[in-house]
């Protein structure tokens, strides 16, 4: 038996699917997903000024997923947040991802959920598995369900089978695999697209054993993941090679795009990345050639961001209709001192 609350939730979910199918014309050769919402977990695991490029990496992906429709309420951003106001930064309160400094990826609309020493292995695992303290605010919770497609992007320093968190601790590939298995057992996702940009990155997805996970990495075991270029004005490398070509690809993607996940997996050939991009698709049920990229980088409900003013139509005033068939009864207030009481006292 469905209660009114259940019927309302089912109706809203069904309406969102109808809105999505009508707004975006999905070609027939695409395999349609059963997901009802999109989430993104974007993590920069490093800190300190010389790791400027890692912050630029994750903020660039953050900018792309927001542009394609995922709202801030469904994006978890974890960064050390020590670059924009670093004393060495010649452009205070800014972070750029290219030497021409055309786009400030640290804009006014950046919402950092975990910053500084909050970016830890414990908080990351608790976030994925939903085992957060009861007083954790809503903005720091991954409120996914069995209908959620989740994009997980990690960048930082790593090695064979581990990823460092702020040079003080590390998460192993087995710990990460177990965390994703907990998510599956708790029905916290429909599909996951896992991206990692670090040295020997493919070692981090080798232990995955949960279903419906598509994974890609910037380098294979034994290879380094290299940076792209230096900004002489800032004095450090400002973006990594793999993420640079990923962003170049995403800039040509729009909410109605017909690009596929297989095109995304081939964005950085070895002559461009120098390292070999790794891909693991055996856990993923659908064919990446038939999966639209917007299944992970977009939103089920397309969002149009505009700065134009919107004219609000005045609501017409209600007309007072008088019932002419009956004479309205006249009513008045009683006097404070009734007359009959005054006469009785005389």
C-alpha atoms as a PDB file:
ATOM      1  CA  UNK A   1       0.000   0.000   0.000  1.00  0.00           C
ATOM      2  CA  UNK A   2       1.380   3.397  -1.028  1.00  0.00           C
ATOM      3  CA  UNK A   3       0.932   6.302   1.345  1.00  0.00           C
ATOM      4  CA  UNK A   4       0.390   9.888   0.077  1.00  0.00           C
ATOM      5  CA  UNK A   5       4.055  10.744   0.722  1.00  0.00           C
ATOM      6  CA  UNK A   6       5.221   7.733  -1.339  1.00  0.00           C
ATOM      7  CA  UNK A   7       2.826   8.625  -4.150  1.00  0.00           C
ATOM      8  CA  UNK A   8       4.153  12.198  -4.184  1.00  0.00           C
ATOM      9  CA  UNK A   9       7.798  11.035  -4.356  1.00  0.00           C
ATOM     10  CA  UNK A  10       6.981   8.577  -7.146  1.00  0.00           C
ATOM     11  CA  UNK A  11       5.098  11.268  -9.079  1.00  0.00           C
ATOM     12  CA  UNK A  12       7.986  13.751  -8.787  1.00  0.00           C
ATOM     13  CA  UNK A  13      10.496  11.119  -9.935  1.00  0.00           C
ATOM     14  CA  UNK A  14       8.291  10.190 -12.881  1.00  0.00           C
ATOM     15  CA  UNK A  15       7.824  13.853 -13.833  1.00  0.00           C
ATOM     16  CA  UNK A  16      11.589  14.461 -13.697  1.00  0.00           C
ATOM     17  CA  UNK A  17      12.126  11.532 -16.078  1.00  0.00           C
ATOM     18  CA  UNK A  18       9.515  12.948 -18.455  1.00  0.00           C
ATOM     19  CA  UNK A  19      11.103  16.411 -18.331  1.00  0.00           C
ATOM     20  CA  UNK A  20      14.519  14.908 -19.067  1.00  0.00           C
ATOM     21  CA  UNK A  21      13.280  12.794 -21.980  1.00  0.00           C
ATOM     22  CA  UNK A  22      11.446  15.727 -23.537  1.00  0.00           C
ATOM     23  CA  UNK A  23      14.206  18.290 -23.052  1.00  0.00           C
ATOM     24  CA  UNK A  24      17.072  16.118 -24.341  1.00  0.00           C
ATOM     25  CA  UNK A  25      16.652  14.140 -27.524  1.00  0.00           C
ATOM     26  CA  UNK A  26      18.581  10.917 -26.869  1.00  0.00           C
ATOM     27  CA  UNK A  27      19.469   9.028 -30.063  1.00  0.00           C
ATOM     28  CA  UNK A  28      17.997   5.556 -30.410  1.00  0.00           C
ATOM     29  CA  UNK A  29      21.415   3.878 -30.508  1.00  0.00           C
ATOM     30  CA  UNK A  30      22.162   5.121 -26.970  1.00  0.00           C
ATOM     31  CA  UNK A  31      21.440   2.848 -24.021  1.00  0.00           C
ATOM     32  CA  UNK A  32      19.176   4.769 -21.693  1.00  0.00           C
ATOM     33  CA  UNK A  33      20.111   4.854 -18.035  1.00  0.00           C
ATOM     34  CA  UNK A  34      17.757   4.133 -15.152  1.00  0.00           C
ATOM     35  CA  UNK A  35      19.266   6.822 -12.949  1.00  0.00           C
ATOM     36  CA  UNK A  36      17.145   9.637 -11.535  1.00  0.00           C
ATOM     37  CA  UNK A  37      19.809  12.039 -10.213  1.00  0.00           C
ATOM     38  CA  UNK A  38      23.479  12.962 -10.593  1.00  0.00           C
ATOM     39  CA  UNK A  39      26.127  13.612  -7.956  1.00  0.00           C
ATOM     40  CA  UNK A  40      29.810  14.534  -8.104  1.00  0.00           C
ATOM     41  CA  UNK A  41      32.571  13.999  -5.525  1.00  0.00           C
ATOM     42  CA  UNK A  42      35.628  16.091  -6.437  1.00  0.00           C
ATOM     43  CA  UNK A  43      38.720  15.730  -4.252  1.00  0.00           C
ATOM     44  CA  UNK A  44      42.151  17.364  -4.258  1.00  0.00           C
ATOM     45  CA  UNK A  45      44.202  15.308  -1.818  1.00  0.00           C
ATOM     46  CA  UNK A  46      47.292  17.578  -1.705  1.00  0.00           C
ATOM     47  CA  UNK A  47      48.176  20.950  -0.208  1.00  0.00           C
ATOM     48  CA  UNK A  48      51.055  23.513  -0.265  1.00  0.00           C
ATOM     49  CA  UNK A  49      51.890  26.072  -2.947  1.00  0.00           C
ATOM     50  CA  UNK A  50      53.913  23.806  -5.243  1.00  0.00           C
ATOM     51  CA  UNK A  51      50.783  21.660  -5.714  1.00  0.00           C
ATOM     52  CA  UNK A  52      48.877  24.570  -7.247  1.00  0.00           C
ATOM     53  CA  UNK A  53      48.029  22.468 -10.315  1.00  0.00           C
ATOM     54  CA  UNK A  54      46.020  19.951  -8.283  1.00  0.00           C
ATOM     55  CA  UNK A  55      43.648  22.639  -7.029  1.00  0.00           C
ATOM     56  CA  UNK A  56      43.310  23.950 -10.582  1.00  0.00           C
ATOM     57  CA  UNK A  57      42.535  20.405 -11.734  1.00  0.00           C
ATOM     58  CA  UNK A  58      39.652  19.825  -9.374  1.00  0.00           C
ATOM     59  CA  UNK A  59      38.202  23.345  -9.666  1.00  0.00           C
ATOM     60  CA  UNK A  60      38.188  23.017 -13.445  1.00  0.00           C
ATOM     61  CA  UNK A  61      36.182  19.799 -13.250  1.00  0.00           C
ATOM     62  CA  UNK A  62      33.919  21.505 -10.707  1.00  0.00           C
ATOM     63  CA  UNK A  63      33.289  24.349 -13.145  1.00  0.00           C
ATOM     64  CA  UNK A  64      32.487  21.907 -15.957  1.00  0.00           C
ATOM     65  CA  UNK A  65      29.938  19.806 -14.063  1.00  0.00           C
ATOM     66  CA  UNK A  66      28.195  22.930 -12.800  1.00  0.00           C
ATOM     67  CA  UNK A  67      28.020  24.321 -16.320  1.00  0.00           C
ATOM     68  CA  UNK A  68      26.451  21.070 -17.494  1.00  0.00           C
ATOM     69  CA  UNK A  69      23.733  21.210 -14.864  1.00  0.00           C
ATOM     70  CA  UNK A  70      24.746  19.492 -11.628  1.00  0.00           C
ATOM     71  CA  UNK A  71      23.818  21.915  -8.815  1.00  0.00           C
ATOM     72  CA  UNK A  72      26.084  22.743  -5.877  1.00  0.00           C
ATOM     73  CA  UNK A  73      23.701  20.894  -3.575  1.00  0.00           C
ATOM     74  CA  UNK A  74      24.739  17.681  -5.355  1.00  0.00           C
ATOM     75  CA  UNK A  75      28.482  18.386  -5.598  1.00  0.00           C
ATOM     76  CA  UNK A  76      30.887  17.555  -2.779  1.00  0.00           C
ATOM     77  CA  UNK A  77      34.085  19.606  -3.167  1.00  0.00           C
ATOM     78  CA  UNK A  78      37.101  18.715  -1.011  1.00  0.00           C
ATOM     79  CA  UNK A  79      40.197  20.938  -1.348  1.00  0.00           C
ATOM     80  CA  UNK A  80      42.842  22.325   0.986  1.00  0.00           C
ATOM     81  CA  UNK A  81      41.704  25.816  -0.058  1.00  0.00           C
ATOM     82  CA  UNK A  82      45.128  27.354   0.640  1.00  0.00           C
ATOM     83  CA  UNK A  83      46.009  28.613  -2.856  1.00  0.00           C
ATOM     84  CA  UNK A  84      43.736  31.572  -3.535  1.00  0.00           C
ATOM     85  CA  UNK A  85      44.938  33.515  -0.469  1.00  0.00           C
ATOM     86  CA  UNK A  86      48.465  32.123  -0.328  1.00  0.00           C
ATOM     87  CA  UNK A  87      51.093  34.877   0.237  1.00  0.00           C
ATOM     88  CA  UNK A  88      52.948  33.632  -2.855  1.00  0.00           C
ATOM     89  CA  UNK A  89      49.934  34.112  -5.102  1.00  0.00           C
ATOM     90  CA  UNK A  90      50.536  37.211  -7.283  1.00  0.00           C
ATOM     91  CA  UNK A  91      46.814  37.254  -8.116  1.00  0.00           C
ATOM     92  CA  UNK A  92      45.081  37.162  -4.724  1.00  0.00           C
ATOM     93  CA  UNK A  93      41.733  35.346  -4.531  1.00  0.00           C
ATOM     94  CA  UNK A  94      42.218  33.762  -7.964  1.00  0.00           C
ATOM     95  CA  UNK A  95      43.221  30.381  -9.365  1.00  0.00           C
ATOM     96  CA  UNK A  96      43.830  29.889 -13.082  1.00  0.00           C
ATOM     97  CA  UNK A  97      44.133  26.702 -15.108  1.00  0.00           C
ATOM     98  CA  UNK A  98      46.040  28.097 -18.098  1.00  0.00           C
ATOM     99  CA  UNK A  99      48.942  30.459 -18.711  1.00  0.00           C
ATOM    100  CA  UNK A 100      46.739  33.018 -20.469  1.00  0.00           C
ATOM    101  CA  UNK A 101      44.722  33.481 -17.258  1.00  0.00           C
ATOM    102  CA  UNK A 102      41.457  33.725 -19.145  1.00  0.00           C
ATOM    103  CA  UNK A 103      39.295  31.852 -16.642  1.00  0.00           C
ATOM    104  CA  UNK A 104      39.411  32.276 -12.887  1.00  0.00           C
ATOM    105  CA  UNK A 105      38.219  28.868 -11.707  1.00  0.00           C
ATOM    106  CA  UNK A 106      38.066  30.152  -8.128  1.00  0.00           C
ATOM    107  CA  UNK A 107      35.083  32.383  -8.793  1.00  0.00           C
ATOM    108  CA  UNK A 108      32.410  33.891  -6.609  1.00  0.00           C
ATOM    109  CA  UNK A 109      30.210  30.798  -6.817  1.00  0.00           C
ATOM    110  CA  UNK A 110      32.650  28.186  -5.514  1.00  0.00           C
ATOM    111  CA  UNK A 111      31.208  26.270  -2.560  1.00  0.00           C
ATOM    112  CA  UNK A 112      33.891  24.302  -0.707  1.00  0.00           C
ATOM    113  CA  UNK A 113      32.379  21.578   1.491  1.00  0.00           C
ATOM    114  CA  UNK A 114      35.556  20.130   3.066  1.00  0.00           C
ATOM    115  CA  UNK A 115      38.593  22.393   3.395  1.00  0.00           C
ATOM    116  CA  UNK A 116      41.987  22.344   5.057  1.00  0.00           C
ATOM    117  CA  UNK A 117      42.575  19.421   7.371  1.00  0.00           C
ATOM    118  CA  UNK A 118      38.999  18.241   6.836  1.00  0.00           C
ATOM    119  CA  UNK A 119      40.313  16.642   3.634  1.00  0.00           C
ATOM    120  CA  UNK A 120      41.284  13.361   5.257  1.00  0.00           C
ATOM    121  CA  UNK A 121      40.987   9.663   4.501  1.00  0.00           C
ATOM    122  CA  UNK A 122      38.487   9.197   7.310  1.00  0.00           C
ATOM    123  CA  UNK A 123      36.182  11.965   6.105  1.00  0.00           C
ATOM    124  CA  UNK A 124      36.417  10.751   2.509  1.00  0.00           C
ATOM    125  CA  UNK A 125      35.492   7.171   3.403  1.00  0.00           C
ATOM    126  CA  UNK A 126      32.729   8.317   5.764  1.00  0.00           C
ATOM    127  CA  UNK A 127      31.365  10.545   3.009  1.00  0.00           C
ATOM    128  CA  UNK A 128      31.166   7.693   0.492  1.00  0.00           C
ATOM    129  CA  UNK A 129      29.672   5.170   2.890  1.00  0.00           C
ATOM    130  CA  UNK A 130      27.286   7.612   4.596  1.00  0.00           C
ATOM    131  CA  UNK A 131      28.732   6.912   8.047  1.00  0.00           C
ATOM    132  CA  UNK A 132      28.999  10.554   9.089  1.00  0.00           C
ATOM    133  CA  UNK A 133      28.328  11.947  12.590  1.00  0.00           C
ATOM    134  CA  UNK A 134      24.687  12.885  13.275  1.00  0.00           C
ATOM    135  CA  UNK A 135      25.508  16.600  13.519  1.00  0.00           C
ATOM    136  CA  UNK A 136      27.071  16.691  10.035  1.00  0.00           C
ATOM    137  CA  UNK A 137      25.358  19.437   7.981  1.00  0.00           C
ATOM    138  CA  UNK A 138      23.471  18.508   4.838  1.00  0.00           C
ATOM    139  CA  UNK A 139      26.080  20.166   2.600  1.00  0.00           C
ATOM    140  CA  UNK A 140      28.699  17.667   3.819  1.00  0.00           C
ATOM    141  CA  UNK A 141      26.618  14.571   3.145  1.00  0.00           C
ATOM    142  CA  UNK A 142      26.502  12.449   0.011  1.00  0.00           C
ATOM    143  CA  UNK A 143      22.733  11.955  -0.092  1.00  0.00           C
ATOM    144  CA  UNK A 144      22.692   9.457  -2.924  1.00  0.00           C
ATOM    145  CA  UNK A 145      20.333   6.546  -3.465  1.00  0.00           C
ATOM    146  CA  UNK A 146      19.980   3.524  -5.748  1.00  0.00           C
ATOM    147  CA  UNK A 147      19.028   5.851  -8.613  1.00  0.00           C
ATOM    148  CA  UNK A 148      22.155   8.029  -8.399  1.00  0.00           C
ATOM    149  CA  UNK A 149      24.911   8.234 -10.985  1.00  0.00           C
ATOM    150  CA  UNK A 150      28.050   9.382  -9.148  1.00  0.00           C
ATOM    151  CA  UNK A 151      31.141  10.996 -10.672  1.00  0.00           C
ATOM    152  CA  UNK A 152      34.218  10.576  -8.455  1.00  0.00           C
ATOM    153  CA  UNK A 153      37.303  12.598  -9.415  1.00  0.00           C
ATOM    154  CA  UNK A 154      40.560  12.359  -7.435  1.00  0.00           C
ATOM    155  CA  UNK A 155      43.816  14.227  -8.004  1.00  0.00           C
ATOM    156  CA  UNK A 156      47.023  14.460  -6.001  1.00  0.00           C
ATOM    157  CA  UNK A 157      50.201  12.464  -5.386  1.00  0.00           C
ATOM    158  CA  UNK A 158      50.108   8.688  -5.429  1.00  0.00           C
ATOM    159  CA  UNK A 159      52.027   5.500  -6.051  1.00  0.00           C
ATOM    160  CA  UNK A 160      51.478   1.816  -6.661  1.00  0.00           C
ATOM    161  CA  UNK A 161      48.317   1.008  -4.733  1.00  0.00           C
ATOM    162  CA  UNK A 162      47.965   4.187  -2.660  1.00  0.00           C
ATOM    163  CA  UNK A 163      46.964   7.851  -2.844  1.00  0.00           C
ATOM    164  CA  UNK A 164      48.428  10.363  -0.399  1.00  0.00           C
ATOM    165  CA  UNK A 165      46.215  12.770   1.536  1.00  0.00           C
ATOM    166  CA  UNK A 166      48.061  16.028   2.342  1.00  0.00           C
ATOM    167  CA  UNK A 167      51.435  14.309   2.827  1.00  0.00           C
ATOM    168  CA  UNK A 168      50.332  12.946   6.218  1.00  0.00           C
ATOM    169  CA  UNK A 169      48.279   9.826   5.426  1.00  0.00           C
ATOM    170  CA  UNK A 170      47.213   7.674   2.517  1.00  0.00           C
ATOM    171  CA  UNK A 171      44.312   5.572   1.282  1.00  0.00           C
ATOM    172  CA  UNK A 172      45.078   2.212  -0.297  1.00  0.00           C
ATOM    173  CA  UNK A 173      43.406   0.719  -3.336  1.00  0.00           C
ATOM    174  CA  UNK A 174      41.853  -2.008  -1.162  1.00  0.00           C
ATOM    175  CA  UNK A 175      40.350   0.535   1.257  1.00  0.00           C
ATOM    176  CA  UNK A 176      38.875   2.451  -1.654  1.00  0.00           C
ATOM    177  CA  UNK A 177      37.455  -0.722  -3.185  1.00  0.00           C
ATOM    178  CA  UNK A 178      35.854  -1.714   0.128  1.00  0.00           C
ATOM    179  CA  UNK A 179      34.298   1.742   0.495  1.00  0.00           C
ATOM    180  CA  UNK A 180      32.687   1.444  -2.946  1.00  0.00           C
ATOM    181  CA  UNK A 181      31.428  -2.033  -2.058  1.00  0.00           C
ATOM    182  CA  UNK A 182      29.767  -0.575   1.043  1.00  0.00           C
ATOM    183  CA  UNK A 183      28.093   1.980  -1.195  1.00  0.00           C
ATOM    184  CA  UNK A 184      26.736  -0.805  -3.397  1.00  0.00           C
ATOM    185  CA  UNK A 185      25.542  -2.893  -0.450  1.00  0.00           C
ATOM    186  CA  UNK A 186      23.732   0.141   0.988  1.00  0.00           C
ATOM    187  CA  UNK A 187      22.201   0.988  -2.407  1.00  0.00           C
ATOM    188  CA  UNK A 188      23.931   4.332  -2.544  1.00  0.00           C
ATOM    189  CA  UNK A 189      24.516   4.412  -6.294  1.00  0.00           C
ATOM    190  CA  UNK A 190      23.229   3.235  -9.641  1.00  0.00           C
ATOM    191  CA  UNK A 191      26.487   3.701 -11.585  1.00  0.00           C
ATOM    192  CA  UNK A 192      29.873   5.235 -10.776  1.00  0.00           C
ATOM    193  CA  UNK A 193      32.355   6.876 -13.108  1.00  0.00           C
ATOM    194  CA  UNK A 194      35.720   6.931 -11.352  1.00  0.00           C
ATOM    195  CA  UNK A 195      38.521   9.262 -12.563  1.00  0.00           C
ATOM    196  CA  UNK A 196      41.933   9.610 -10.955  1.00  0.00           C
ATOM    197  CA  UNK A 197      44.804  11.844 -12.058  1.00  0.00           C
ATOM    198  CA  UNK A 198      48.009  10.898 -10.248  1.00  0.00           C
ATOM    199  CA  UNK A 199      51.179   8.866 -10.729  1.00  0.00           C
ATOM    200  CA  UNK A 200      50.578   5.110 -11.232  1.00  0.00           C
ATOM    201  CA  UNK A 201      46.891   5.957 -11.102  1.00  0.00           C
ATOM    202  CA  UNK A 202      45.523   2.730 -12.574  1.00  0.00           C
ATOM    203  CA  UNK A 203      46.638   0.847  -9.465  1.00  0.00           C
ATOM    204  CA  UNK A 204      43.820   2.543  -7.548  1.00  0.00           C
ATOM    205  CA  UNK A 205      41.055   0.797  -9.502  1.00  0.00           C
ATOM    206  CA  UNK A 206      42.652  -2.640  -9.846  1.00  0.00           C
ATOM    207  CA  UNK A 207      41.017  -3.898  -6.624  1.00  0.00           C
ATOM    208  CA  UNK A 208      37.481  -2.762  -7.493  1.00  0.00           C
ATOM    209  CA  UNK A 209      34.975  -5.615  -7.327  1.00  0.00           C
ATOM    210  CA  UNK A 210      31.605  -3.835  -7.125  1.00  0.00           C
ATOM    211  CA  UNK A 211      29.264  -3.749 -10.148  1.00  0.00           C
ATOM    212  CA  UNK A 212      28.357  -0.793 -12.367  1.00  0.00           C
ATOM    213  CA  UNK A 213      31.696   1.020 -12.085  1.00  0.00           C
ATOM    214  CA  UNK A 214      33.491   2.533 -15.076  1.00  0.00           C
ATOM    215  CA  UNK A 215      37.019   3.685 -14.193  1.00  0.00           C
ATOM    216  CA  UNK A 216      39.795   5.601 -15.947  1.00  0.00           C
ATOM    217  CA  UNK A 217      43.234   6.747 -14.827  1.00  0.00           C
ATOM    218  CA  UNK A 218      45.845   9.171 -16.124  1.00  0.00           C
ATOM    219  CA  UNK A 219      48.716   6.646 -15.975  1.00  0.00           C
ATOM    220  CA  UNK A 220      49.456   2.947 -15.693  1.00  0.00           C
ATOM    221  CA  UNK A 221      51.472   1.236 -12.967  1.00  0.00           C
ATOM    222  CA  UNK A 222      55.124   2.251 -13.285  1.00  0.00           C
ATOM    223  CA  UNK A 223      54.328   5.524 -15.082  1.00  0.00           C
ATOM    224  CA  UNK A 224      54.277   9.101 -13.811  1.00  0.00           C
ATOM    225  CA  UNK A 225      51.436  11.492 -14.508  1.00  0.00           C
ATOM    226  CA  UNK A 226      53.008  14.711 -15.746  1.00  0.00           C
ATOM    227  CA  UNK A 227      52.054  18.372 -15.545  1.00  0.00           C
ATOM    228  CA  UNK A 228      51.244  20.396 -18.657  1.00  0.00           C
ATOM    229  CA  UNK A 229      52.764  23.874 -18.511  1.00  0.00           C
ATOM    230  CA  UNK A 230      54.049  26.654 -16.244  1.00  0.00           C
ATOM    231  CA  UNK A 231      52.679  30.138 -15.797  1.00  0.00           C
ATOM    232  CA  UNK A 232      55.762  32.348 -15.442  1.00  0.00           C
ATOM    233  CA  UNK A 233      53.739  35.004 -13.618  1.00  0.00           C
ATOM    234  CA  UNK A 234      52.616  32.529 -10.964  1.00  0.00           C
ATOM    235  CA  UNK A 235      55.832  30.523 -10.967  1.00  0.00           C
ATOM    236  CA  UNK A 236      54.454  26.975 -10.753  1.00  0.00           C
ATOM    237  CA  UNK A 237      52.829  24.354 -12.944  1.00  0.00           C
ATOM    238  CA  UNK A 238      49.165  25.202 -13.129  1.00  0.00           C
ATOM    239  CA  UNK A 239      47.471  22.084 -14.528  1.00  0.00           C
ATOM    240  CA  UNK A 240      48.219  18.413 -15.206  1.00  0.00           C
ATOM    241  CA  UNK A 241      48.347  16.999 -18.716  1.00  0.00           C
ATOM    242  CA  UNK A 242      45.493  14.535 -18.429  1.00  0.00           C
ATOM    243  CA  UNK A 243      43.072  17.008 -16.859  1.00  0.00           C
ATOM    244  CA  UNK A 244      44.100  19.671 -19.390  1.00  0.00           C
ATOM    245  CA  UNK A 245      42.916  17.509 -22.294  1.00  0.00           C
ATOM    246  CA  UNK A 246      39.834  16.397 -20.372  1.00  0.00           C
ATOM    247  CA  UNK A 247      38.816  20.026 -19.946  1.00  0.00           C
ATOM    248  CA  UNK A 248      39.550  20.754 -23.593  1.00  0.00           C
ATOM    249  CA  UNK A 249      37.077  17.994 -24.437  1.00  0.00           C
ATOM    250  CA  UNK A 250      34.444  19.069 -21.892  1.00  0.00           C
ATOM    251  CA  UNK A 251      34.432  22.652 -23.158  1.00  0.00           C
ATOM    252  CA  UNK A 252      32.773  21.332 -26.329  1.00  0.00           C
ATOM    253  CA  UNK A 253      30.131  19.381 -24.414  1.00  0.00           C
ATOM    254  CA  UNK A 254      26.701  20.893 -23.803  1.00  0.00           C
ATOM    255  CA  UNK A 255      23.594  19.534 -22.016  1.00  0.00           C
ATOM    256  CA  UNK A 256      22.167  18.226 -25.299  1.00  0.00           C
ATOM    257  CA  UNK A 257      25.481  16.758 -26.450  1.00  0.00           C
ATOM    258  CA  UNK A 258      25.544  13.422 -28.278  1.00  0.00           C
ATOM    259  CA  UNK A 259      29.140  12.649 -27.317  1.00  0.00           C
ATOM    260  CA  UNK A 260      29.690   9.263 -25.716  1.00  0.00           C
ATOM    261  CA  UNK A 261      31.714   7.979 -22.799  1.00  0.00           C
ATOM    262  CA  UNK A 262      34.019   6.108 -25.187  1.00  0.00           C
ATOM    263  CA  UNK A 263      35.000   9.469 -26.696  1.00  0.00           C
ATOM    264  CA  UNK A 264      35.812  10.751 -23.219  1.00  0.00           C
ATOM    265  CA  UNK A 265      37.958   7.705 -22.452  1.00  0.00           C
ATOM    266  CA  UNK A 266      40.105   8.510 -25.513  1.00  0.00           C
ATOM    267  CA  UNK A 267      40.649  12.235 -24.873  1.00  0.00           C
ATOM    268  CA  UNK A 268      44.350  11.975 -24.026  1.00  0.00           C
ATOM    269  CA  UNK A 269      46.427   9.719 -26.309  1.00  0.00           C
ATOM    270  CA  UNK A 270      49.941   8.834 -25.216  1.00  0.00           C
ATOM    271  CA  UNK A 271      51.649  11.343 -27.533  1.00  0.00           C
ATOM    272  CA  UNK A 272      49.728  14.103 -25.699  1.00  0.00           C
ATOM    273  CA  UNK A 273      49.699  12.767 -22.131  1.00  0.00           C
ATOM    274  CA  UNK A 274      53.125  11.059 -22.411  1.00  0.00           C
ATOM    275  CA  UNK A 275      51.721   8.597 -19.868  1.00  0.00           C
ATOM    276  CA  UNK A 276      49.292   5.831 -20.889  1.00  0.00           C
ATOM    277  CA  UNK A 277      45.671   6.395 -19.920  1.00  0.00           C
ATOM    278  CA  UNK A 278      44.183   3.338 -18.232  1.00  0.00           C
ATOM    279  CA  UNK A 279      40.560   2.226 -18.544  1.00  0.00           C
ATOM    280  CA  UNK A 280      38.636  -0.485 -16.711  1.00  0.00           C
ATOM    281  CA  UNK A 281      35.217  -1.358 -18.117  1.00  0.00           C
ATOM    282  CA  UNK A 282      34.657  -5.003 -17.096  1.00  0.00           C
ATOM    283  CA  UNK A 283      32.487  -4.009 -14.115  1.00  0.00           C
ATOM    284  CA  UNK A 284      30.335  -1.692 -16.215  1.00  0.00           C
ATOM    285  CA  UNK A 285      27.262  -3.344 -17.757  1.00  0.00           C
ATOM    286  CA  UNK A 286      26.570  -0.832 -20.526  1.00  0.00           C
ATOM    287  CA  UNK A 287      28.638  -0.279 -23.645  1.00  0.00           C
ATOM    288  CA  UNK A 288      30.591   3.019 -23.287  1.00  0.00           C
ATOM    289  CA  UNK A 289      30.054   3.568 -27.025  1.00  0.00           C
ATOM    290  CA  UNK A 290      26.317   3.829 -26.338  1.00  0.00           C
ATOM    291  CA  UNK A 291      26.416   5.816 -23.082  1.00  0.00           C
ATOM    292  CA  UNK A 292      25.972   9.606 -23.407  1.00  0.00           C
ATOM    293  CA  UNK A 293      28.556  11.607 -21.515  1.00  0.00           C
ATOM    294  CA  UNK A 294      25.766  13.620 -19.891  1.00  0.00           C
ATOM    295  CA  UNK A 295      24.809  10.524 -17.861  1.00  0.00           C
ATOM    296  CA  UNK A 296      27.697  11.450 -15.539  1.00  0.00           C
ATOM    297  CA  UNK A 297      28.721  15.020 -16.368  1.00  0.00           C
ATOM    298  CA  UNK A 298      25.212  16.382 -16.696  1.00  0.00           C
ATOM    299  CA  UNK A 299      22.007  16.518 -14.730  1.00  0.00           C
ATOM    300  CA  UNK A 300      18.752  14.681 -15.119  1.00  0.00           C
ATOM    301  CA  UNK A 301      17.006  18.024 -15.091  1.00  0.00           C
ATOM    302  CA  UNK A 302      18.719  20.444 -17.487  1.00  0.00           C
ATOM    303  CA  UNK A 303      19.535  23.736 -15.768  1.00  0.00           C
ATOM    304  CA  UNK A 304      19.872  26.992 -17.689  1.00  0.00           C
ATOM    305  CA  UNK A 305      22.049  29.608 -15.979  1.00  0.00           C
ATOM    306  CA  UNK A 306      21.201  33.165 -16.979  1.00  0.00           C
ATOM    307  CA  UNK A 307      22.089  36.655 -15.786  1.00  0.00           C
ATOM    308  CA  UNK A 308      19.198  38.313 -17.616  1.00  0.00           C
ATOM    309  CA  UNK A 309      16.455  39.911 -15.581  1.00  0.00           C
ATOM    310  CA  UNK A 310      13.135  38.097 -15.453  1.00  0.00           C
ATOM    311  CA  UNK A 311       9.850  40.017 -15.581  1.00  0.00           C
ATOM    312  CA  UNK A 312       7.405  38.667 -13.049  1.00  0.00           C
ATOM    313  CA  UNK A 313       3.789  38.893 -14.177  1.00  0.00           C
ATOM    314  CA  UNK A 314       1.567  40.773 -11.739  1.00  0.00           C
ATOM    315  CA  UNK A 315      -1.002  38.527 -10.123  1.00  0.00           C
ATOM    316  CA  UNK A 316      -4.479  39.941 -10.781  1.00  0.00           C
ATOM    317  CA  UNK A 317      -6.375  41.013  -7.714  1.00  0.00           C
ATOM    318  CA  UNK A 318      -9.366  38.982  -6.664  1.00  0.00           C
ATOM    319  CA  UNK A 319     -12.755  40.503  -7.320  1.00  0.00           C
ATOM    320  CA  UNK A 320     -15.170  40.743  -4.445  1.00  0.00           C
ATOM    321  CA  UNK A 321     -18.414  39.120  -5.524  1.00  0.00           C
ATOM    322  CA  UNK A 322     -21.487  40.228  -3.567  1.00  0.00           C
ATOM    323  CA  UNK A 323     -24.340  37.774  -3.188  1.00  0.00           C
ATOM    324  CA  UNK A 324     -27.381  39.757  -4.399  1.00  0.00           C
ATOM    325  CA  UNK A 325     -29.922  37.053  -3.559  1.00  0.00           C
ATOM    326  CA  UNK A 326     -29.643  37.505   0.194  1.00  0.00           C
ATOM    327  CA  UNK A 327     -29.469  40.702   2.195  1.00  0.00           C
ATOM    328  CA  UNK A 328     -26.307  40.621   4.321  1.00  0.00           C
ATOM    329  CA  UNK A 329     -26.992  40.606   8.036  1.00  0.00           C
ATOM    330  CA  UNK A 330     -25.959  43.802   9.787  1.00  0.00           C
ATOM    331  CA  UNK A 331     -23.679  43.282  12.726  1.00  0.00           C
ATOM    332  CA  UNK A 332     -22.140  45.698  15.207  1.00  0.00           C
ATOM    333  CA  UNK A 333     -20.118  45.809  18.401  1.00  0.00           C
ATOM    334  CA  UNK A 334     -21.876  45.709  21.780  1.00  0.00           C
ATOM    335  CA  UNK A 335     -21.494  48.833  23.943  1.00  0.00           C
ATOM    336  CA  UNK A 336     -19.012  48.546  26.789  1.00  0.00           C
ATOM    337  CA  UNK A 337     -21.790  49.378  29.282  1.00  0.00           C
ATOM    338  CA  UNK A 338     -25.126  47.820  28.217  1.00  0.00           C
ATOM    339  CA  UNK A 339     -28.168  50.074  28.688  1.00  0.00           C
ATOM    340  CA  UNK A 340     -30.268  47.533  30.622  1.00  0.00           C
ATOM    341  CA  UNK A 341     -27.555  47.227  33.269  1.00  0.00           C
ATOM    342  CA  UNK A 342     -27.458  50.996  33.766  1.00  0.00           C
ATOM    343  CA  UNK A 343     -31.259  51.205  34.188  1.00  0.00           C
ATOM    344  CA  UNK A 344     -31.319  48.446  36.810  1.00  0.00           C
ATOM    345  CA  UNK A 345     -28.884  50.276  39.005  1.00  0.00           C
ATOM    346  CA  UNK A 346     -30.861  53.539  39.082  1.00  0.00           C
END
